[in-house]
Amino acid sequence: MSTSISFTLVDSDAALRDCCQTLLSSAAIAVDTEFMRTRTYFAKLGLVQLANSERCWLVDPLAITSLEPLRELLQAPSVVKVLHSCSEDLQVLQSSLGVLPMPLFDTQIAAGFVGEPFAMGYARIVKALLGVELNQQETRSDWLHRPLSDAQLHYAAEDVHYLIRVYELLAERIATAGRREWVEEDMTRLLSAAATPDEPEQAYLRIKAAWQLDHAGLAVLQALTAWRENRARTDDLPRSWVMADRTLMELAEARPATLSELSAVGDLPPKLIRRHGEFLVDLIQATLAQRDLWPEPVPERLPRHGSPLLKALRSRVDAVAEQLGVAAELLARKKDLEPLARAVVQGREPQLTEPLASGWRREVIGEPLLAVVQSAAGDAR
């Protein structure tokens, strides 16, 4: 069981300056965030937890006038920022503070480089590496309500108190295994992706059933999802509150030309039709008229006769992962393998896509996978 952890609640500008000044002298600090995003597009930052190997600080952003010392700390090049499964934390820090923590070390990813199971949750990795059982009851509590409860504060402190210790163990194992450069490359890739905002015009690619649409329907889906993305950001509402994915697909298939046709599609709320109905109809019809601007078709699912090749690619990934002692998912995912198999099935020259085409993965797994598909392509001829 976890023990009681002492921490300092940072709820004034002066206390934040002192906290950040102290942490600037640390080689590495643990960082975590608590936030709420149930009724908004942008997450609302409720707490920032910080720790070095000696102390924990809980920063209350709602009580502080200037968070500039925190911004400076998160960007200090001499201090490694340690987070666990940090994708959402990066989004929150970027939208709330306008900065990303760097240099970065994600313990969830790093663990996979030294043979630990892929994508372990924080409580699980603390249990596996430190033998400590954490209490996770406050995970879904309200982090914007004040005052925060003692249980919330203790839970928040645990998130960084043990994280810095997990980092110390993993960093040593990674150095021994000679994988430091691999981890650093993946951290750079992670930060680069977080720093590149999603374009509204690419939002349609997140709709899982998009591949089922014909070319015109896909163009309409692209236009509608871009509109929804911009609307959600402007009104700070969850995407689904603006329009559900299912409704986007129905509109893309029906392609209504009048308000009455629009009203007959799906379960569009009358309020949305009153506010945006005419615009949506005009948007759909204008999109249909601009064929030269239609997006490229979304690749269809890999046909059944491509499954044996996909299985062979997965087997190669598993074999290399076992040989290296790393998690297979860190080498390549299904989304990396399917384009290779699809190219062979369609008679095209297979090409590696990112992240297999560059960095350490190119030699370690990209080239071996190319050998598999090129052999399969030769057999097909």
Protein backbone atom coordinates (compact mmCIF):
# COMPACT_ATOMS: atom_id res chain seq x y z
CA MET A 1 0.00 0.00 0.00
CA SER A 2 1.06 3.58 -0.63
CA THR A 3 2.09 5.67 2.36
CA SER A 4 1.20 9.24 3.28
CA ILE A 5 3.06 11.71 1.07
CA SER A 6 3.93 15.22 2.11
CA PHE A 7 3.39 17.99 -0.42
CA THR A 8 3.24 21.75 -0.71
CA LEU A 9 0.08 23.36 -2.07
CA VAL A 10 1.12 26.21 -4.36
CA ASP A 11 -1.73 28.72 -4.44
CA SER A 12 -0.05 32.11 -4.82
CA ASP A 13 2.22 33.82 -7.33
CA ALA A 14 5.04 34.04 -4.79
CA ALA A 15 4.78 30.35 -3.91
CA LEU A 16 4.87 29.41 -7.60
CA ARG A 17 8.02 31.46 -8.17
CA ASP A 18 9.73 29.76 -5.22
CA CYS A 19 8.61 26.30 -6.33
CA CYS A 20 9.80 26.74 -9.91
CA GLN A 21 13.09 28.29 -8.83
CA THR A 22 13.79 25.25 -6.66
CA LEU A 23 12.90 22.80 -9.43
CA LEU A 24 15.10 24.54 -12.00
CA SER A 25 18.12 23.06 -10.22
CA SER A 26 16.81 19.49 -10.63
CA ALA A 27 18.09 17.19 -13.39
CA ALA A 28 14.58 15.74 -13.82
CA ILE A 29 11.11 16.49 -12.49
CA ALA A 30 7.86 14.59 -12.58
CA VAL A 31 4.89 16.41 -14.09
CA ASP A 32 1.20 15.54 -14.17
CA THR A 33 -2.04 17.42 -14.73
CA GLU A 34 -5.63 17.13 -13.58
CA PHE A 35 -8.28 18.62 -15.83
CA MET A 36 -11.93 18.54 -16.84
CA ARG A 37 -13.31 18.23 -20.37
CA THR A 38 -16.81 16.80 -20.07
CA ARG A 39 -18.72 19.84 -21.34
CA THR A 40 -16.09 21.69 -23.35
CA TYR A 41 -13.85 21.29 -26.40
CA PHE A 42 -10.78 22.60 -24.63
CA ALA A 43 -9.73 20.91 -21.40
CA LYS A 44 -9.87 23.11 -18.30
CA LEU A 45 -6.70 22.82 -16.24
CA GLY A 46 -7.47 22.14 -12.59
CA LEU A 47 -4.10 21.21 -11.07
CA VAL A 48 -0.46 20.75 -12.03
CA GLN A 49 1.61 18.33 -9.97
CA LEU A 50 5.39 18.64 -9.81
CA ALA A 51 8.04 16.67 -7.98
CA ASN A 52 11.75 16.07 -7.77
CA SER A 53 13.34 13.19 -5.88
CA GLU A 54 12.80 15.00 -2.56
CA ARG A 55 9.50 16.92 -2.56
CA CYS A 56 6.10 17.33 -4.25
CA TRP A 57 4.29 20.54 -5.15
CA LEU A 58 0.64 20.85 -6.20
CA VAL A 59 0.10 23.99 -8.27
CA ASP A 60 -3.41 25.47 -8.24
CA PRO A 61 -3.73 27.39 -11.53
CA LEU A 62 -7.12 28.79 -10.49
CA ALA A 63 -5.55 30.68 -7.59
CA ILE A 64 -2.51 32.10 -9.40
CA THR A 65 -2.41 35.30 -11.44
CA SER A 66 0.71 34.62 -13.52
CA LEU A 67 1.79 31.13 -14.54
CA GLU A 68 4.88 32.42 -16.33
CA PRO A 69 7.34 30.73 -13.89
CA LEU A 70 5.67 27.40 -14.69
CA ARG A 71 5.96 28.05 -18.41
CA GLU A 72 9.67 28.79 -18.02
CA LEU A 73 10.21 25.66 -15.95
CA LEU A 74 8.44 23.43 -18.47
CA GLN A 75 10.67 24.75 -21.24
CA ALA A 76 13.97 24.74 -19.30
CA PRO A 77 16.40 22.69 -21.45
CA SER A 78 18.44 21.48 -18.45
CA VAL A 79 15.48 19.80 -16.72
CA VAL A 80 13.98 16.56 -18.05
CA LYS A 81 10.18 16.55 -17.72
CA VAL A 82 8.89 13.10 -16.78
CA LEU A 83 5.26 12.25 -17.57
CA HIS A 84 3.29 9.03 -17.94
CA SER A 85 1.10 8.41 -20.99
CA CYS A 86 1.42 12.07 -21.75
CA SER A 87 -0.65 12.69 -24.90
CA GLU A 88 -3.56 14.31 -23.07
CA ASP A 89 -1.26 16.19 -20.71
CA LEU A 90 0.54 17.68 -23.70
CA GLN A 91 -2.75 18.85 -25.18
CA VAL A 92 -3.83 20.41 -21.90
CA LEU A 93 -0.53 22.19 -21.30
CA GLN A 94 -0.43 23.44 -24.87
CA SER A 95 -3.97 24.82 -24.79
CA SER A 96 -3.80 26.17 -21.21
CA LEU A 97 -0.23 27.46 -20.99
CA GLY A 98 0.85 27.68 -24.61
CA VAL A 99 3.94 25.52 -24.00
CA LEU A 100 5.02 21.90 -24.19
CA PRO A 101 7.27 20.26 -21.56
CA MET A 102 10.71 19.60 -23.02
CA PRO A 103 12.97 17.73 -22.93
CA LEU A 104 10.39 14.99 -22.40
CA PHE A 105 10.47 11.46 -20.98
CA ASP A 106 7.26 9.41 -21.13
CA THR A 107 7.54 6.47 -18.75
CA GLN A 108 4.79 4.51 -20.47
CA ILE A 109 6.66 4.53 -23.78
CA ALA A 110 10.07 4.11 -22.18
CA ALA A 111 8.96 1.00 -20.29
CA GLY A 112 8.25 -0.75 -23.57
CA PHE A 113 11.87 -0.27 -24.64
CA VAL A 114 13.11 -2.40 -21.74
CA GLY A 115 10.69 -5.30 -22.07
CA GLU A 116 7.80 -4.14 -19.92
CA PRO A 117 4.26 -4.69 -21.27
CA PHE A 118 3.07 -2.03 -23.70
CA ALA A 119 0.84 0.84 -22.56
CA MET A 120 0.82 0.06 -18.84
CA GLY A 121 -1.31 2.43 -16.81
CA TYR A 122 0.33 4.47 -14.06
CA ALA A 123 -0.95 2.36 -11.17
CA ARG A 124 0.17 -0.81 -12.91
CA ILE A 125 3.70 0.41 -13.63
CA VAL A 126 4.11 1.66 -10.06
CA LYS A 127 3.01 -1.76 -8.83
CA ALA A 128 5.30 -3.58 -11.26
CA LEU A 129 8.45 -1.53 -10.65
CA LEU A 130 8.05 -0.29 -7.08
CA GLY A 131 5.68 -2.83 -5.53
CA VAL A 132 3.34 -0.03 -4.38
CA GLU A 133 -0.45 -0.34 -4.64
CA LEU A 134 -2.08 3.01 -5.44
CA ASN A 135 -5.56 4.21 -4.56
CA GLN A 136 -7.20 5.40 -7.79
CA GLN A 137 -10.60 6.42 -6.41
CA GLU A 138 -10.20 10.13 -7.22
CA THR A 139 -9.45 9.65 -10.93
CA ARG A 140 -12.80 11.04 -12.09
CA SER A 141 -13.42 13.65 -9.41
CA ASP A 142 -14.12 17.33 -10.12
CA TRP A 143 -10.76 19.08 -10.34
CA LEU A 144 -12.27 22.53 -10.88
CA HIS A 145 -14.27 22.55 -7.65
CA ARG A 146 -12.71 24.38 -4.71
CA PRO A 147 -11.60 23.58 -2.12
CA LEU A 148 -10.02 20.33 -3.27
CA SER A 149 -10.48 17.51 -0.77
CA ASP A 150 -7.66 15.89 1.18
CA ALA A 151 -8.29 12.70 -0.80
CA GLN A 152 -7.89 14.56 -4.10
CA LEU A 153 -4.68 16.23 -2.97
CA HIS A 154 -3.16 12.97 -1.74
CA TYR A 155 -4.13 11.22 -4.98
CA ALA A 156 -2.57 14.07 -7.01
CA ALA A 157 0.65 13.94 -4.99
CA GLU A 158 0.97 10.18 -5.52
CA ASP A 159 0.94 10.74 -9.27
CA VAL A 160 4.30 12.51 -9.20
CA HIS A 161 5.89 11.18 -5.99
CA TYR A 162 6.21 7.68 -7.45
CA LEU A 163 6.63 8.81 -11.04
CA ILE A 164 10.07 10.30 -10.44
CA ARG A 165 11.15 6.99 -8.89
CA VAL A 166 9.81 5.03 -11.86
CA TYR A 167 11.80 7.35 -14.12
CA GLU A 168 15.03 6.75 -12.22
CA LEU A 169 14.66 2.98 -12.59
CA LEU A 170 13.72 3.13 -16.28
CA ALA A 171 16.43 5.63 -17.20
CA GLU A 172 19.07 3.31 -15.73
CA ARG A 173 17.70 0.27 -17.56
CA ILE A 174 17.45 2.18 -20.85
CA ALA A 175 21.04 3.38 -20.57
CA THR A 176 22.22 -0.19 -19.83
CA ALA A 177 20.31 -1.49 -22.87
CA GLY A 178 21.76 1.22 -25.09
CA ARG A 179 18.29 2.52 -26.04
CA ARG A 180 18.62 6.15 -24.90
CA GLU A 181 18.75 7.50 -28.46
CA TRP A 182 15.68 5.48 -29.44
CA VAL A 183 13.69 6.93 -26.56
CA GLU A 184 14.88 10.47 -27.30
CA GLU A 185 13.87 10.11 -30.94
CA ASP A 186 10.39 8.96 -29.97
CA MET A 187 10.06 11.82 -27.49
CA THR A 188 11.00 14.31 -30.22
CA ARG A 189 8.42 12.73 -32.52
CA LEU A 190 5.79 12.92 -29.79
CA LEU A 191 6.47 16.60 -29.12
CA SER A 192 6.48 17.42 -32.82
CA ALA A 193 3.06 15.84 -33.25
CA ALA A 194 1.71 17.70 -30.21
CA ALA A 195 3.07 21.01 -31.52
CA THR A 196 1.34 20.56 -34.89
CA PRO A 197 -2.33 21.52 -34.55
CA ASP A 198 -4.87 19.27 -36.21
CA GLU A 199 -6.23 20.90 -39.35
CA PRO A 200 -10.05 20.99 -39.42
CA GLU A 201 -9.89 19.86 -43.06
CA GLN A 202 -8.30 16.59 -41.91
CA ALA A 203 -10.87 15.86 -39.20
CA TYR A 204 -12.90 13.60 -41.53
CA LEU A 205 -10.08 11.01 -41.36
CA ARG A 206 -11.05 10.32 -37.72
CA ILE A 207 -14.51 9.11 -38.80
CA LYS A 208 -14.07 5.33 -38.78
CA ALA A 209 -16.69 4.58 -41.44
CA ALA A 210 -15.43 7.22 -43.90
CA TRP A 211 -14.00 4.56 -46.21
CA GLN A 212 -17.54 3.36 -46.95
CA LEU A 213 -18.51 6.60 -48.73
CA ASP A 214 -18.26 7.25 -52.45
CA HIS A 215 -16.04 10.08 -53.64
CA ALA A 216 -18.76 12.75 -53.49
CA GLY A 217 -19.89 11.59 -50.07
CA LEU A 218 -16.33 11.73 -48.77
CA ALA A 219 -15.99 15.32 -50.02
CA VAL A 220 -19.17 16.29 -48.18
CA LEU A 221 -18.00 14.51 -45.04
CA GLN A 222 -14.73 16.44 -45.17
CA ALA A 223 -16.55 19.76 -45.46
CA LEU A 224 -19.01 18.94 -42.69
CA THR A 225 -16.41 17.66 -40.23
CA ALA A 226 -14.26 20.76 -40.85
CA TRP A 227 -17.30 22.91 -40.11
CA ARG A 228 -18.04 20.91 -36.93
CA GLU A 229 -14.42 21.19 -35.77
CA ASN A 230 -14.38 24.96 -36.23
CA ARG A 231 -17.79 25.31 -34.57
CA ALA A 232 -16.76 23.18 -31.59
CA ARG A 233 -13.61 25.25 -31.09
CA THR A 234 -15.43 28.56 -31.44
CA ASP A 235 -18.22 27.60 -29.03
CA ASP A 236 -15.90 25.51 -26.80
CA LEU A 237 -18.21 22.51 -26.96
CA PRO A 238 -17.55 18.79 -27.36
CA ARG A 239 -17.66 17.74 -31.01
CA SER A 240 -20.58 15.40 -30.44
CA TRP A 241 -22.61 18.25 -28.94
CA VAL A 242 -22.33 20.11 -32.23
CA MET A 243 -23.09 17.09 -34.41
CA ALA A 244 -22.68 13.35 -33.89
CA ASP A 245 -20.43 11.27 -36.13
CA ARG A 246 -23.45 9.21 -37.15
CA THR A 247 -25.28 12.32 -38.34
CA LEU A 248 -22.25 13.50 -40.31
CA MET A 249 -22.22 10.18 -42.14
CA GLU A 250 -25.97 10.35 -42.83
CA LEU A 251 -25.66 13.84 -44.28
CA ALA A 252 -22.70 12.79 -46.41
CA GLU A 253 -24.74 9.94 -47.83
CA ALA A 254 -28.00 11.89 -48.32
CA ARG A 255 -26.41 15.18 -49.51
CA PRO A 256 -29.61 17.26 -48.99
CA ALA A 257 -30.24 20.14 -51.38
CA THR A 258 -33.00 21.90 -49.40
CA LEU A 259 -33.87 22.65 -45.79
CA SER A 260 -36.73 20.18 -45.88
CA GLU A 261 -34.40 17.44 -47.11
CA LEU A 262 -31.90 18.40 -44.41
CA SER A 263 -34.60 18.18 -41.74
CA ALA A 264 -35.45 14.66 -42.86
CA VAL A 265 -31.94 13.37 -42.28
CA GLY A 266 -31.02 11.69 -39.02
CA ASP A 267 -31.84 13.35 -35.71
CA LEU A 268 -30.66 16.91 -36.31
CA PRO A 269 -31.94 19.13 -33.48
CA PRO A 270 -34.43 21.80 -34.63
CA LYS A 271 -32.23 24.44 -32.99
CA LEU A 272 -29.27 23.45 -35.15
CA ILE A 273 -31.40 23.52 -38.29
CA ARG A 274 -32.67 27.00 -37.42
CA ARG A 275 -29.19 28.34 -36.70
CA HIS A 276 -27.13 26.57 -39.33
CA GLY A 277 -29.48 24.73 -41.70
CA GLU A 278 -29.22 27.06 -44.68
CA PHE A 279 -25.46 27.30 -44.31
CA LEU A 280 -25.10 23.52 -44.19
CA VAL A 281 -27.22 23.03 -47.30
CA ASP A 282 -25.18 25.66 -49.14
CA LEU A 283 -21.95 24.08 -47.91
CA ILE A 284 -22.98 20.63 -49.12
CA GLN A 285 -24.04 21.87 -52.56
CA ALA A 286 -20.97 24.06 -53.00
CA THR A 287 -18.75 21.10 -52.10
CA LEU A 288 -20.46 18.89 -54.66
CA ALA A 289 -19.90 21.53 -57.34
CA GLN A 290 -16.14 21.77 -56.68
CA ARG A 291 -14.94 18.36 -57.85
CA ASP A 292 -11.36 19.56 -58.26
CA LEU A 293 -11.20 20.14 -54.48
CA TRP A 294 -12.49 16.72 -53.44
CA PRO A 295 -10.09 14.75 -51.19
CA GLU A 296 -8.36 11.56 -52.23
CA PRO A 297 -10.44 8.45 -51.52
CA VAL A 298 -9.85 6.88 -48.11
CA PRO A 299 -8.17 3.46 -48.51
CA GLU A 300 -10.61 0.61 -48.15
CA ARG A 301 -10.11 -2.08 -45.60
CA LEU A 302 -7.57 -4.69 -46.53
CA PRO A 303 -9.37 -7.41 -48.50
CA ARG A 304 -9.56 -10.87 -46.99
CA HIS A 305 -6.97 -12.36 -49.35
CA GLY A 306 -4.46 -9.85 -47.97
CA SER A 307 -4.78 -11.25 -44.45
CA PRO A 308 -2.01 -13.88 -44.77
CA LEU A 309 0.49 -11.18 -45.77
CA LEU A 310 -0.61 -8.95 -42.89
CA LYS A 311 -0.17 -11.93 -40.57
CA ALA A 312 3.34 -12.49 -41.96
CA LEU A 313 4.22 -8.85 -41.31
CA ARG A 314 2.95 -9.09 -37.75
CA SER A 315 5.00 -12.25 -37.23
CA ARG A 316 8.14 -10.45 -38.38
CA VAL A 317 7.42 -7.58 -35.97
CA ASP A 318 6.89 -10.04 -33.11
CA ALA A 319 10.10 -11.89 -33.92
CA VAL A 320 12.21 -8.72 -34.00
CA ALA A 321 10.57 -7.46 -30.81
CA GLU A 322 11.33 -10.72 -29.00
CA GLN A 323 14.92 -10.66 -30.22
CA LEU A 324 15.42 -7.08 -29.02
CA GLY A 325 13.41 -7.42 -25.80
CA VAL A 326 11.05 -4.54 -26.60
CA ALA A 327 7.28 -4.26 -26.86
CA ALA A 328 6.14 -5.18 -30.40
CA GLU A 329 3.74 -2.23 -30.47
CA LEU A 330 6.69 0.15 -30.22
CA LEU A 331 8.14 -1.23 -33.43
CA ALA A 332 5.05 -1.09 -35.66
CA ARG A 333 1.28 -0.89 -35.36
CA LYS A 334 -1.45 -2.32 -37.54
CA LYS A 335 -1.85 1.10 -39.21
CA ASP A 336 1.82 0.89 -40.24
CA LEU A 337 1.51 -2.62 -41.66
CA GLU A 338 -1.76 -2.43 -43.59
CA PRO A 339 -0.47 0.03 -46.25
CA LEU A 340 2.36 -2.38 -47.05
CA ALA A 341 0.00 -5.33 -47.45
CA ARG A 342 -2.50 -3.22 -49.41
CA ALA A 343 0.17 -2.13 -51.89
CA VAL A 344 1.06 -5.75 -52.66
CA VAL A 345 -2.60 -6.75 -53.05
CA GLN A 346 -3.19 -3.82 -55.41
CA GLY A 347 -0.04 -4.47 -57.44
CA ARG A 348 1.74 -1.29 -56.36
CA GLU A 349 5.30 -0.78 -55.18
CA PRO A 350 5.31 -1.02 -51.36
CA GLN A 351 6.56 2.10 -49.59
CA LEU A 352 7.33 2.55 -45.93
CA THR A 353 5.33 5.25 -44.20
CA GLU A 354 6.26 7.13 -41.05
CA PRO A 355 7.47 6.21 -38.54
CA LEU A 356 8.95 3.15 -40.29
CA ALA A 357 10.64 5.16 -43.03
CA SER A 358 13.12 7.07 -40.88
CA GLY A 359 15.10 7.04 -37.66
CA TRP A 360 16.00 3.90 -35.77
CA ARG A 361 12.90 2.06 -36.98
CA ARG A 362 14.03 2.20 -40.62
CA GLU A 363 16.90 -0.23 -40.05
CA VAL A 364 15.47 -2.18 -37.13
CA ILE A 365 12.04 -3.03 -38.55
CA GLY A 366 11.32 -1.01 -41.71
CA GLU A 367 13.84 -2.81 -43.93
CA PRO A 368 12.88 -6.29 -42.63
CA LEU A 369 9.21 -5.54 -43.37
CA LEU A 370 10.06 -4.34 -46.87
CA ALA A 371 11.84 -7.63 -47.45
CA VAL A 372 8.68 -9.52 -46.46
CA VAL A 373 6.38 -7.59 -48.81
CA GLN A 374 8.85 -7.55 -51.69
CA SER A 375 9.16 -11.30 -51.44
CA ALA A 376 5.36 -11.60 -51.40
CA ALA A 377 5.09 -9.27 -54.41
CA GLY A 378 7.61 -11.39 -56.31
CA ASP A 379 5.67 -14.57 -55.54
CA ALA A 380 2.45 -12.87 -56.74
CA ARG A 381 4.02 -12.19 -60.12
